[in-house]
Amino acid sequence: MTLAQFLGTLTGILNQIVPFILGLAVLVILWGIFTYITKAGEEEKRAEAKKFILYGILGLFIMVSLWGFVGILVNTFGLKEQIQPGDIPKVPIICPPTPTTPATPGC
């Protein structure tokens, strides 16, 4: 596997996974904010909520950075994310044999 193929594969995987993980990180941040507001009187719960908010922001930062870094690498090496119609291999057509001719490719 070449570097270009590896980066293309990695981009495809990240394009599928990253939106889900970003949504999860946003939910963690929102949960931390909700806990911080509802448990404002308890110092221990507020400290736990601050950790949730911090970890959510850290997760967002790491995922967006990784996504951007792979995008920069793909664009730097000039890789395509989509397959062009000419890149798809074609299956040869074989005509069935007749009593007078054998099977031939392309009819």
PDB file of N, CA and C in Angstrom:
ATOM      1  N   MET A   1       0.851  -1.178   0.000  1.00  0.00           N
ATOM      2  CA  MET A   1       0.000   0.000   0.000  1.00  0.00           C
ATOM      3  C   MET A   1       0.896   1.241   0.000  1.00  0.00           C
ATOM      4  N   THR A   2       0.626   2.129  -0.904  1.00  0.00           N
ATOM      5  CA  THR A   2       1.414   3.356  -0.982  1.00  0.00           C
ATOM      6  C   THR A   2       0.896   4.381   0.016  1.00  0.00           C
ATOM      7  N   LEU A   3       1.657   5.436   0.195  1.00  0.00           N
ATOM      8  CA  LEU A   3       1.242   6.508   1.101  1.00  0.00           C
ATOM      9  C   LEU A   3      -0.047   7.148   0.605  1.00  0.00           C
ATOM     10  N   ALA A   4      -0.165   7.318  -0.692  1.00  0.00           N
ATOM     11  CA  ALA A   4      -1.369   7.931  -1.257  1.00  0.00           C
ATOM     12  C   ALA A   4      -2.588   7.073  -0.993  1.00  0.00           C
ATOM     13  N   GLN A   5      -2.461   5.760  -1.156  1.00  0.00           N
ATOM     14  CA  GLN A   5      -3.584   4.864  -0.889  1.00  0.00           C
ATOM     15  C   GLN A   5      -3.944   4.876   0.589  1.00  0.00           C
ATOM     16  N   PHE A   6      -2.919   4.879   1.447  1.00  0.00           N
ATOM     17  CA  PHE A   6      -3.161   4.905   2.882  1.00  0.00           C
ATOM     18  C   PHE A   6      -3.900   6.174   3.293  1.00  0.00           C
ATOM     19  N   LEU A   7      -3.450   7.321   2.788  1.00  0.00           N
ATOM     20  CA  LEU A   7      -4.105   8.587   3.136  1.00  0.00           C
ATOM     21  C   LEU A   7      -5.524   8.642   2.575  1.00  0.00           C
ATOM     22  N   GLY A   8      -5.732   8.095   1.396  1.00  0.00           N
ATOM     23  CA  GLY A   8      -7.075   8.045   0.833  1.00  0.00           C
ATOM     24  C   GLY A   8      -7.999   7.190   1.681  1.00  0.00           C
ATOM     25  N   THR A   9      -7.506   6.036   2.136  1.00  0.00           N
ATOM     26  CA  THR A   9      -8.286   5.163   3.004  1.00  0.00           C
ATOM     27  C   THR A   9      -8.571   5.842   4.337  1.00  0.00           C
ATOM     28  N   LEU A  10      -7.558   6.470   4.908  1.00  0.00           N
ATOM     29  CA  LEU A  10      -7.720   7.163   6.189  1.00  0.00           C
ATOM     30  C   LEU A  10      -8.729   8.298   6.076  1.00  0.00           C
ATOM     31  N   THR A  11      -8.703   9.019   4.979  1.00  0.00           N
ATOM     32  CA  THR A  11      -9.664  10.103   4.767  1.00  0.00           C
ATOM     33  C   THR A  11     -11.083   9.556   4.699  1.00  0.00           C
ATOM     34  N   GLY A  12     -11.253   8.467   3.979  1.00  0.00           N
ATOM     35  CA  GLY A  12     -12.579   7.861   3.877  1.00  0.00           C
ATOM     36  C   GLY A  12     -13.113   7.413   5.222  1.00  0.00           C
ATOM     37  N   ILE A  13     -12.259   6.801   6.024  1.00  0.00           N
ATOM     38  CA  ILE A  13     -12.671   6.345   7.353  1.00  0.00           C
ATOM     39  C   ILE A  13     -13.012   7.539   8.237  1.00  0.00           C
ATOM     40  N   LEU A  14     -12.154   8.559   8.242  1.00  0.00           N
ATOM     41  CA  LEU A  14     -12.392   9.729   9.088  1.00  0.00           C
ATOM     42  C   LEU A  14     -13.655  10.477   8.664  1.00  0.00           C
ATOM     43  N   ASN A  15     -13.927  10.535   7.374  1.00  0.00           N
ATOM     44  CA  ASN A  15     -15.133  11.226   6.920  1.00  0.00           C
ATOM     45  C   ASN A  15     -16.400  10.535   7.406  1.00  0.00           C
ATOM     46  N   GLN A  16     -16.312   9.252   7.711  1.00  0.00           N
ATOM     47  CA  GLN A  16     -17.461   8.525   8.240  1.00  0.00           C
ATOM     48  C   GLN A  16     -17.553   8.611   9.769  1.00  0.00           C
ATOM     49  N   ILE A  17     -16.423   8.580  10.444  1.00  0.00           N
ATOM     50  CA  ILE A  17     -16.406   8.489  11.908  1.00  0.00           C
ATOM     51  C   ILE A  17     -16.442   9.850  12.596  1.00  0.00           C
ATOM     52  N   VAL A  18     -15.738  10.828  12.061  1.00  0.00           N
ATOM     53  CA  VAL A  18     -15.562  12.111  12.738  1.00  0.00           C
ATOM     54  C   VAL A  18     -16.884  12.815  13.056  1.00  0.00           C
ATOM     55  N   PRO A  19     -17.853  12.894  12.151  1.00  0.00           N
ATOM     56  CA  PRO A  19     -19.097  13.580  12.528  1.00  0.00           C
ATOM     57  C   PRO A  19     -19.788  12.941  13.738  1.00  0.00           C
ATOM     58  N   PHE A  20     -19.735  11.621  13.827  1.00  0.00           N
ATOM     59  CA  PHE A  20     -20.326  10.936  14.982  1.00  0.00           C
ATOM     60  C   PHE A  20     -19.585  11.303  16.265  1.00  0.00           C
ATOM     61  N   ILE A  21     -18.264  11.283  16.232  1.00  0.00           N
ATOM     62  CA  ILE A  21     -17.479  11.582  17.427  1.00  0.00           C
ATOM     63  C   ILE A  21     -17.619  13.059  17.810  1.00  0.00           C
ATOM     64  N   LEU A  22     -17.708  13.941  16.817  1.00  0.00           N
ATOM     65  CA  LEU A  22     -17.927  15.356  17.121  1.00  0.00           C
ATOM     66  C   LEU A  22     -19.264  15.557  17.821  1.00  0.00           C
ATOM     67  N   GLY A  23     -20.287  14.858  17.348  1.00  0.00           N
ATOM     68  CA  GLY A  23     -21.592  14.933  18.005  1.00  0.00           C
ATOM     69  C   GLY A  23     -21.532  14.417  19.433  1.00  0.00           C
ATOM     70  N   LEU A  24     -20.783  13.348  19.630  1.00  0.00           N
ATOM     71  CA  LEU A  24     -20.613  12.796  20.974  1.00  0.00           C
ATOM     72  C   LEU A  24     -19.894  13.786  21.892  1.00  0.00           C
ATOM     73  N   ALA A  25     -18.881  14.461  21.379  1.00  0.00           N
ATOM     74  CA  ALA A  25     -18.148  15.454  22.173  1.00  0.00           C
ATOM     75  C   ALA A  25     -19.045  16.629  22.541  1.00  0.00           C
ATOM     76  N   VAL A  26     -19.900  17.043  21.618  1.00  0.00           N
ATOM     77  CA  VAL A  26     -20.838  18.132  21.912  1.00  0.00           C
ATOM     78  C   VAL A  26     -21.817  17.696  23.005  1.00  0.00           C
ATOM     79  N   LEU A  27     -22.275  16.443  22.943  1.00  0.00           N
ATOM     80  CA  LEU A  27     -23.167  15.942  24.001  1.00  0.00           C
ATOM     81  C   LEU A  27     -22.461  15.927  25.360  1.00  0.00           C
ATOM     82  N   VAL A  28     -21.182  15.570  25.388  1.00  0.00           N
ATOM     83  CA  VAL A  28     -20.422  15.578  26.641  1.00  0.00           C
ATOM     84  C   VAL A  28     -20.332  16.999  27.189  1.00  0.00           C
ATOM     85  N   ILE A  29     -20.084  17.964  26.316  1.00  0.00           N
ATOM     86  CA  ILE A  29     -20.021  19.364  26.751  1.00  0.00           C
ATOM     87  C   ILE A  29     -21.372  19.809  27.300  1.00  0.00           C
ATOM     88  N   LEU A  30     -22.441  19.487  26.575  1.00  0.00           N
ATOM     89  CA  LEU A  30     -23.780  19.881  27.031  1.00  0.00           C
ATOM     90  C   LEU A  30     -24.142  19.213  28.359  1.00  0.00           C
ATOM     91  N   TRP A  31     -23.758  17.946  28.516  1.00  0.00           N
ATOM     92  CA  TRP A  31     -24.016  17.261  29.777  1.00  0.00           C
ATOM     93  C   TRP A  31     -23.252  17.941  30.914  1.00  0.00           C
ATOM     94  N   GLY A  32     -22.015  18.334  30.649  1.00  0.00           N
ATOM     95  CA  GLY A  32     -21.230  19.034  31.665  1.00  0.00           C
ATOM     96  C   GLY A  32     -21.854  20.367  32.040  1.00  0.00           C
ATOM     97  N   ILE A  33     -22.340  21.101  31.057  1.00  0.00           N
ATOM     98  CA  ILE A  33     -23.000  22.389  31.335  1.00  0.00           C
ATOM     99  C   ILE A  33     -24.279  22.168  32.133  1.00  0.00           C
ATOM    100  N   PHE A  34     -25.061  21.166  31.732  1.00  0.00           N
ATOM    101  CA  PHE A  34     -26.305  20.859  32.450  1.00  0.00           C
ATOM    102  C   PHE A  34     -26.013  20.488  33.902  1.00  0.00           C
ATOM    103  N   THR A  35     -25.018  19.636  34.108  1.00  0.00           N
ATOM    104  CA  THR A  35     -24.654  19.225  35.466  1.00  0.00           C
ATOM    105  C   THR A  35     -24.127  20.410  36.270  1.00  0.00           C
ATOM    106  N   TYR A  36     -23.335  21.257  35.651  1.00  0.00           N
ATOM    107  CA  TYR A  36     -22.781  22.431  36.329  1.00  0.00           C
ATOM    108  C   TYR A  36     -23.897  23.354  36.810  1.00  0.00           C
ATOM    109  N   ILE A  37     -24.913  23.528  35.979  1.00  0.00           N
ATOM    110  CA  ILE A  37     -26.009  24.428  36.351  1.00  0.00           C
ATOM    111  C   ILE A  37     -26.908  23.798  37.413  1.00  0.00           C
ATOM    112  N   THR A  38     -27.268  22.529  37.213  1.00  0.00           N
ATOM    113  CA  THR A  38     -28.219  21.896  38.144  1.00  0.00           C
ATOM    114  C   THR A  38     -27.587  21.569  39.500  1.00  0.00           C
ATOM    115  N   LYS A  39     -26.307  21.332  39.555  1.00  0.00           N
ATOM    116  CA  LYS A  39     -25.623  20.998  40.814  1.00  0.00           C
ATOM    117  C   LYS A  39     -24.734  22.146  41.277  1.00  0.00           C
ATOM    118  N   ALA A  40     -25.183  23.362  41.087  1.00  0.00           N
ATOM    119  CA  ALA A  40     -24.372  24.545  41.399  1.00  0.00           C
ATOM    120  C   ALA A  40     -24.015  24.628  42.884  1.00  0.00           C
ATOM    121  N   GLY A  41     -24.838  24.068  43.741  1.00  0.00           N
ATOM    122  CA  GLY A  41     -24.583  24.159  45.171  1.00  0.00           C
ATOM    123  C   GLY A  41     -23.550  23.164  45.678  1.00  0.00           C
ATOM    124  N   GLU A  42     -23.287  22.102  44.924  1.00  0.00           N
ATOM    125  CA  GLU A  42     -22.356  21.070  45.376  1.00  0.00           C
ATOM    126  C   GLU A  42     -21.012  21.246  44.658  1.00  0.00           C
ATOM    127  N   GLU A  43     -20.002  21.575  45.450  1.00  0.00           N
ATOM    128  CA  GLU A  43     -18.684  21.858  44.869  1.00  0.00           C
ATOM    129  C   GLU A  43     -18.089  20.635  44.155  1.00  0.00           C
ATOM    130  N   GLU A  44     -18.291  19.456  44.723  1.00  0.00           N
ATOM    131  CA  GLU A  44     -17.742  18.235  44.118  1.00  0.00           C
ATOM    132  C   GLU A  44     -18.373  17.949  42.755  1.00  0.00           C
ATOM    133  N   LYS A  45     -19.671  18.132  42.653  1.00  0.00           N
ATOM    134  CA  LYS A  45     -20.372  17.907  41.378  1.00  0.00           C
ATOM    135  C   LYS A  45     -19.985  18.967  40.347  1.00  0.00           C
ATOM    136  N   ARG A  46     -19.761  20.184  40.804  1.00  0.00           N
ATOM    137  CA  ARG A  46     -19.329  21.244  39.880  1.00  0.00           C
ATOM    138  C   ARG A  46     -17.950  20.946  39.320  1.00  0.00           C
ATOM    139  N   ALA A  47     -17.065  20.425  40.157  1.00  0.00           N
ATOM    140  CA  ALA A  47     -15.723  20.058  39.681  1.00  0.00           C
ATOM    141  C   ALA A  47     -15.815  18.925  38.665  1.00  0.00           C
ATOM    142  N   GLU A  48     -16.699  17.966  38.912  1.00  0.00           N
ATOM    143  CA  GLU A  48     -16.892  16.869  37.955  1.00  0.00           C
ATOM    144  C   GLU A  48     -17.466  17.400  36.637  1.00  0.00           C
ATOM    145  N   ALA A  49     -18.391  18.340  36.714  1.00  0.00           N
ATOM    146  CA  ALA A  49     -18.987  18.921  35.515  1.00  0.00           C
ATOM    147  C   ALA A  49     -17.936  19.704  34.719  1.00  0.00           C
ATOM    148  N   LYS A  50     -17.036  20.400  35.418  1.00  0.00           N
ATOM    149  CA  LYS A  50     -15.963  21.122  34.724  1.00  0.00           C
ATOM    150  C   LYS A  50     -15.076  20.160  33.943  1.00  0.00           C
ATOM    151  N   LYS A  51     -14.834  18.970  34.508  1.00  0.00           N
ATOM    152  CA  LYS A  51     -14.035  17.966  33.813  1.00  0.00           C
ATOM    153  C   LYS A  51     -14.748  17.499  32.539  1.00  0.00           C
ATOM    154  N   PHE A  52     -16.058  17.292  32.621  1.00  0.00           N
ATOM    155  CA  PHE A  52     -16.814  16.892  31.435  1.00  0.00           C
ATOM    156  C   PHE A  52     -16.701  17.952  30.339  1.00  0.00           C
ATOM    157  N   ILE A  53     -16.851  19.202  30.725  1.00  0.00           N
ATOM    158  CA  ILE A  53     -16.757  20.289  29.751  1.00  0.00           C
ATOM    159  C   ILE A  53     -15.361  20.336  29.144  1.00  0.00           C
ATOM    160  N   LEU A  54     -14.334  20.226  29.976  1.00  0.00           N
ATOM    161  CA  LEU A  54     -12.954  20.262  29.498  1.00  0.00           C
ATOM    162  C   LEU A  54     -12.659  19.091  28.560  1.00  0.00           C
ATOM    163  N   TYR A  55     -13.078  17.875  28.944  1.00  0.00           N
ATOM    164  CA  TYR A  55     -12.828  16.708  28.099  1.00  0.00           C
ATOM    165  C   TYR A  55     -13.599  16.796  26.780  1.00  0.00           C
ATOM    166  N   GLY A  56     -14.786  17.350  26.808  1.00  0.00           N
ATOM    167  CA  GLY A  56     -15.552  17.527  25.576  1.00  0.00           C
ATOM    168  C   GLY A  56     -14.870  18.506  24.631  1.00  0.00           C
ATOM    169  N   ILE A  57     -14.403  19.620  25.169  1.00  0.00           N
ATOM    170  CA  ILE A  57     -13.701  20.610  24.341  1.00  0.00           C
ATOM    171  C   ILE A  57     -12.395  20.024  23.813  1.00  0.00           C
ATOM    172  N   LEU A  58     -11.678  19.293  24.649  1.00  0.00           N
ATOM    173  CA  LEU A  58     -10.434  18.653  24.232  1.00  0.00           C
ATOM    174  C   LEU A  58     -10.697  17.629  23.118  1.00  0.00           C
ATOM    175  N   GLY A  59     -11.755  16.849  23.258  1.00  0.00           N
ATOM    176  CA  GLY A  59     -12.124  15.878  22.221  1.00  0.00           C
ATOM    177  C   GLY A  59     -12.460  16.559  20.908  1.00  0.00           C
ATOM    178  N   LEU A  60     -13.216  17.656  20.973  1.00  0.00           N
ATOM    179  CA  LEU A  60     -13.535  18.409  19.758  1.00  0.00           C
ATOM    180  C   LEU A  60     -12.258  18.920  19.092  1.00  0.00           C
ATOM    181  N   PHE A  61     -11.369  19.478  19.876  1.00  0.00           N
ATOM    182  CA  PHE A  61     -10.130  20.020  19.333  1.00  0.00           C
ATOM    183  C   PHE A  61      -9.289  18.937  18.658  1.00  0.00           C
ATOM    184  N   ILE A  62      -9.139  17.798  19.319  1.00  0.00           N
ATOM    185  CA  ILE A  62      -8.315  16.721  18.769  1.00  0.00           C
ATOM    186  C   ILE A  62      -8.919  16.190  17.473  1.00  0.00           C
ATOM    187  N   MET A  63     -10.231  15.969  17.438  1.00  0.00           N
ATOM    188  CA  MET A  63     -10.857  15.407  16.244  1.00  0.00           C
ATOM    189  C   MET A  63     -10.817  16.382  15.074  1.00  0.00           C
ATOM    190  N   VAL A  64     -11.092  17.633  15.313  1.00  0.00           N
ATOM    191  CA  VAL A  64     -11.046  18.615  14.227  1.00  0.00           C
ATOM    192  C   VAL A  64      -9.612  18.785  13.726  1.00  0.00           C
ATOM    193  N   SER A  65      -8.650  18.761  14.644  1.00  0.00           N
ATOM    194  CA  SER A  65      -7.245  18.879  14.245  1.00  0.00           C
ATOM    195  C   SER A  65      -6.814  17.687  13.403  1.00  0.00           C
ATOM    196  N   LEU A  66      -7.173  16.478  13.833  1.00  0.00           N
ATOM    197  CA  LEU A  66      -6.817  15.280  13.090  1.00  0.00           C
ATOM    198  C   LEU A  66      -7.475  15.273  11.718  1.00  0.00           C
ATOM    199  N   TRP A  67      -8.745  15.645  11.672  1.00  0.00           N
ATOM    200  CA  TRP A  67      -9.488  15.706  10.411  1.00  0.00           C
ATOM    201  C   TRP A  67      -8.833  16.716   9.458  1.00  0.00           C
ATOM    202  N   GLY A  68      -8.476  17.867   9.984  1.00  0.00           N
ATOM    203  CA  GLY A  68      -7.824  18.886   9.171  1.00  0.00           C
ATOM    204  C   GLY A  68      -6.441  18.466   8.716  1.00  0.00           C
ATOM    205  N   PHE A  69      -5.684  17.810   9.589  1.00  0.00           N
ATOM    206  CA  PHE A  69      -4.336  17.366   9.237  1.00  0.00           C
ATOM    207  C   PHE A  69      -4.369  16.359   8.093  1.00  0.00           C
ATOM    208  N   VAL A  70      -5.276  15.403   8.165  1.00  0.00           N
ATOM    209  CA  VAL A  70      -5.396  14.425   7.081  1.00  0.00           C
ATOM    210  C   VAL A  70      -5.851  15.118   5.803  1.00  0.00           C
ATOM    211  N   GLY A  71      -6.759  16.088   5.914  1.00  0.00           N
ATOM    212  CA  GLY A  71      -7.191  16.843   4.739  1.00  0.00           C
ATOM    213  C   GLY A  71      -6.046  17.599   4.099  1.00  0.00           C
ATOM    214  N   ILE A  72      -5.175  18.186   4.928  1.00  0.00           N
ATOM    215  CA  ILE A  72      -4.002  18.898   4.400  1.00  0.00           C
ATOM    216  C   ILE A  72      -3.067  17.924   3.683  1.00  0.00           C
ATOM    217  N   LEU A  73      -2.833  16.748   4.272  1.00  0.00           N
ATOM    218  CA  LEU A  73      -1.978  15.758   3.632  1.00  0.00           C
ATOM    219  C   LEU A  73      -2.553  15.292   2.302  1.00  0.00           C
ATOM    220  N   VAL A  74      -3.857  15.041   2.277  1.00  0.00           N
ATOM    221  CA  VAL A  74      -4.501  14.584   1.035  1.00  0.00           C
ATOM    222  C   VAL A  74      -4.388  15.653  -0.038  1.00  0.00           C
ATOM    223  N   ASN A  75      -4.632  16.910   0.318  1.00  0.00           N
ATOM    224  CA  ASN A  75      -4.530  17.989  -0.664  1.00  0.00           C
ATOM    225  C   ASN A  75      -3.082  18.258  -1.079  1.00  0.00           C
ATOM    226  N   THR A  76      -2.147  18.075  -0.171  1.00  0.00           N
ATOM    227  CA  THR A  76      -0.741  18.288  -0.487  1.00  0.00           C
ATOM    228  C   THR A  76      -0.257  17.279  -1.528  1.00  0.00           C
ATOM    229  N   PHE A  77      -0.662  16.032  -1.373  1.00  0.00           N
ATOM    230  CA  PHE A  77      -0.231  14.991  -2.303  1.00  0.00           C
ATOM    231  C   PHE A  77      -1.136  14.890  -3.525  1.00  0.00           C
ATOM    232  N   GLY A  78      -2.145  15.743  -3.621  1.00  0.00           N
ATOM    233  CA  GLY A  78      -3.011  15.770  -4.793  1.00  0.00           C
ATOM    234  C   GLY A  78      -3.843  14.519  -4.968  1.00  0.00           C
ATOM    235  N   LEU A  79      -4.327  13.958  -3.890  1.00  0.00           N
ATOM    236  CA  LEU A  79      -5.113  12.730  -3.962  1.00  0.00           C
ATOM    237  C   LEU A  79      -6.567  13.046  -4.265  1.00  0.00           C
ATOM    238  N   LYS A  80      -7.217  12.141  -4.963  1.00  0.00           N
ATOM    239  CA  LYS A  80      -8.634  12.294  -5.266  1.00  0.00           C
ATOM    240  C   LYS A  80      -9.443  11.519  -4.227  1.00  0.00           C
ATOM    241  N   GLU A  81     -10.562  12.085  -3.827  1.00  0.00           N
ATOM    242  CA  GLU A  81     -11.430  11.381  -2.892  1.00  0.00           C
ATOM    243  C   GLU A  81     -12.514  10.602  -3.620  1.00  0.00           C
ATOM    244  N   GLN A  82     -12.732  10.887  -4.890  1.00  0.00           N
ATOM    245  CA  GLN A  82     -13.775  10.215  -5.647  1.00  0.00           C
ATOM    246  C   GLN A  82     -13.149   9.455  -6.803  1.00  0.00           C
ATOM    247  N   ILE A  83     -13.759   8.339  -7.130  1.00  0.00           N
ATOM    248  CA  ILE A  83     -13.301   7.533  -8.249  1.00  0.00           C
ATOM    249  C   ILE A  83     -13.889   8.110  -9.527  1.00  0.00           C
ATOM    250  N   GLN A  84     -13.038   8.330 -10.506  1.00  0.00           N
ATOM    251  CA  GLN A  84     -13.487   8.829 -11.798  1.00  0.00           C
ATOM    252  C   GLN A  84     -14.017   7.655 -12.621  1.00  0.00           C
ATOM    253  N   PRO A  85     -14.988   7.894 -13.511  1.00  0.00           N
ATOM    254  CA  PRO A  85     -15.544   6.792 -14.305  1.00  0.00           C
ATOM    255  C   PRO A  85     -14.488   6.023 -15.107  1.00  0.00           C
ATOM    256  N   GLY A  86     -13.440   6.690 -15.562  1.00  0.00           N
ATOM    257  CA  GLY A  86     -12.401   6.003 -16.317  1.00  0.00           C
ATOM    258  C   GLY A  86     -11.509   5.123 -15.459  1.00  0.00           C
ATOM    259  N   ASP A  87     -11.548   5.293 -14.124  1.00  0.00           N
ATOM    260  CA  ASP A  87     -10.708   4.514 -13.217  1.00  0.00           C
ATOM    261  C   ASP A  87     -11.312   3.164 -12.863  1.00  0.00           C
ATOM    262  N   ILE A  88     -12.574   2.967 -13.168  1.00  0.00           N
ATOM    263  CA  ILE A  88     -13.264   1.736 -12.804  1.00  0.00           C
ATOM    264  C   ILE A  88     -12.937   0.668 -13.846  1.00  0.00           C
ATOM    265  N   PRO A  89     -12.451  -0.492 -13.415  1.00  0.00           N
ATOM    266  CA  PRO A  89     -12.148  -1.537 -14.399  1.00  0.00           C
ATOM    267  C   PRO A  89     -13.435  -2.067 -15.031  1.00  0.00           C
ATOM    268  N   LYS A  90     -13.324  -2.468 -16.275  1.00  0.00           N
ATOM    269  CA  LYS A  90     -14.481  -2.979 -16.999  1.00  0.00           C
ATOM    270  C   LYS A  90     -14.354  -4.488 -17.159  1.00  0.00           C
ATOM    271  N   VAL A  91     -15.476  -5.169 -17.054  1.00  0.00           N
ATOM    272  CA  VAL A  91     -15.524  -6.620 -17.244  1.00  0.00           C
ATOM    273  C   VAL A  91     -15.738  -6.886 -18.728  1.00  0.00           C
ATOM    274  N   PRO A  92     -14.922  -7.741 -19.333  1.00  0.00           N
ATOM    275  CA  PRO A  92     -15.117  -8.007 -20.757  1.00  0.00           C
ATOM    276  C   PRO A  92     -16.418  -8.766 -21.001  1.00  0.00           C
ATOM    277  N   ILE A  93     -17.028  -8.455 -22.123  1.00  0.00           N
ATOM    278  CA  ILE A  93     -18.266  -9.131 -22.513  1.00  0.00           C
ATOM    279  C   ILE A  93     -17.883 -10.329 -23.381  1.00  0.00           C
ATOM    280  N   ILE A  94     -18.396 -11.472 -23.027  1.00  0.00           N
ATOM    281  CA  ILE A  94     -18.126 -12.675 -23.812  1.00  0.00           C
ATOM    282  C   ILE A  94     -19.448 -13.147 -24.401  1.00  0.00           C
ATOM    283  N   CYS A  95     -19.481 -13.204 -25.705  1.00  0.00           N
ATOM    284  CA  CYS A  95     -20.688 -13.662 -26.392  1.00  0.00           C
ATOM    285  C   CYS A  95     -20.781 -15.180 -26.274  1.00  0.00           C
ATOM    286  N   PRO A  96     -21.972 -15.683 -26.100  1.00  0.00           N
ATOM    287  CA  PRO A  96     -22.109 -17.143 -25.998  1.00  0.00           C
ATOM    288  C   PRO A  96     -21.771 -17.802 -27.337  1.00  0.00           C
ATOM    289  N   PRO A  97     -21.255 -19.008 -27.250  1.00  0.00           N
ATOM    290  CA  PRO A  97     -20.917 -19.685 -28.501  1.00  0.00           C
ATOM    291  C   PRO A  97     -22.171 -20.069 -29.282  1.00  0.00           C
ATOM    292  N   THR A  98     -22.041 -20.081 -30.576  1.00  0.00           N
ATOM    293  CA  THR A  98     -23.112 -20.570 -31.453  1.00  0.00           C
ATOM    294  C   THR A  98     -22.617 -21.863 -32.079  1.00  0.00           C
ATOM    295  N   PRO A  99     -23.486 -22.587 -32.736  1.00  0.00           N
ATOM    296  CA  PRO A  99     -23.012 -23.850 -33.337  1.00  0.00           C
ATOM    297  C   PRO A  99     -21.895 -23.641 -34.360  1.00  0.00           C
ATOM    298  N   THR A 100     -21.791 -22.458 -34.959  1.00  0.00           N
ATOM    299  CA  THR A 100     -20.772 -22.259 -35.995  1.00  0.00           C
ATOM    300  C   THR A 100     -19.545 -21.491 -35.501  1.00  0.00           C
ATOM    301  N   THR A 101     -19.650 -20.724 -34.361  1.00  0.00           N
ATOM    302  CA  THR A 101     -18.503 -19.941 -33.869  1.00  0.00           C
ATOM    303  C   THR A 101     -18.268 -20.211 -32.389  1.00  0.00           C
ATOM    304  N   PRO A 102     -17.003 -20.155 -31.962  1.00  0.00           N
ATOM    305  CA  PRO A 102     -16.731 -20.301 -30.529  1.00  0.00           C
ATOM    306  C   PRO A 102     -17.039 -19.004 -29.787  1.00  0.00           C
ATOM    307  N   ALA A 103     -16.989 -19.054 -28.453  1.00  0.00           N
ATOM    308  CA  ALA A 103     -17.213 -17.861 -27.646  1.00  0.00           C
ATOM    309  C   ALA A 103     -16.126 -16.833 -27.920  1.00  0.00           C
ATOM    310  N   THR A 104     -16.508 -15.581 -28.133  1.00  0.00           N
ATOM    311  CA  THR A 104     -15.532 -14.530 -28.446  1.00  0.00           C
ATOM    312  C   THR A 104     -15.770 -13.318 -27.555  1.00  0.00           C
ATOM    313  N   PRO A 105     -14.693 -12.655 -27.127  1.00  0.00           N
ATOM    314  CA  PRO A 105     -14.882 -11.431 -26.342  1.00  0.00           C
ATOM    315  C   PRO A 105     -15.316 -10.278 -27.227  1.00  0.00           C
ATOM    316  N   GLY A 106     -16.211  -9.465 -26.716  1.00  0.00           N
ATOM    317  CA  GLY A 106     -16.618  -8.243 -27.406  1.00  0.00           C
ATOM    318  C   GLY A 106     -17.643  -8.414 -28.495  1.00  0.00           C
ATOM    319  N   CYS A 107     -18.040  -9.608 -28.845  1.00  0.00           N
ATOM    320  CA  CYS A 107     -19.021  -9.892 -29.902  1.00  0.00           C
ATOM    321  C   CYS A 107     -18.709  -9.118 -31.160  1.00  0.00           C
TER     322      CYS A 107
END
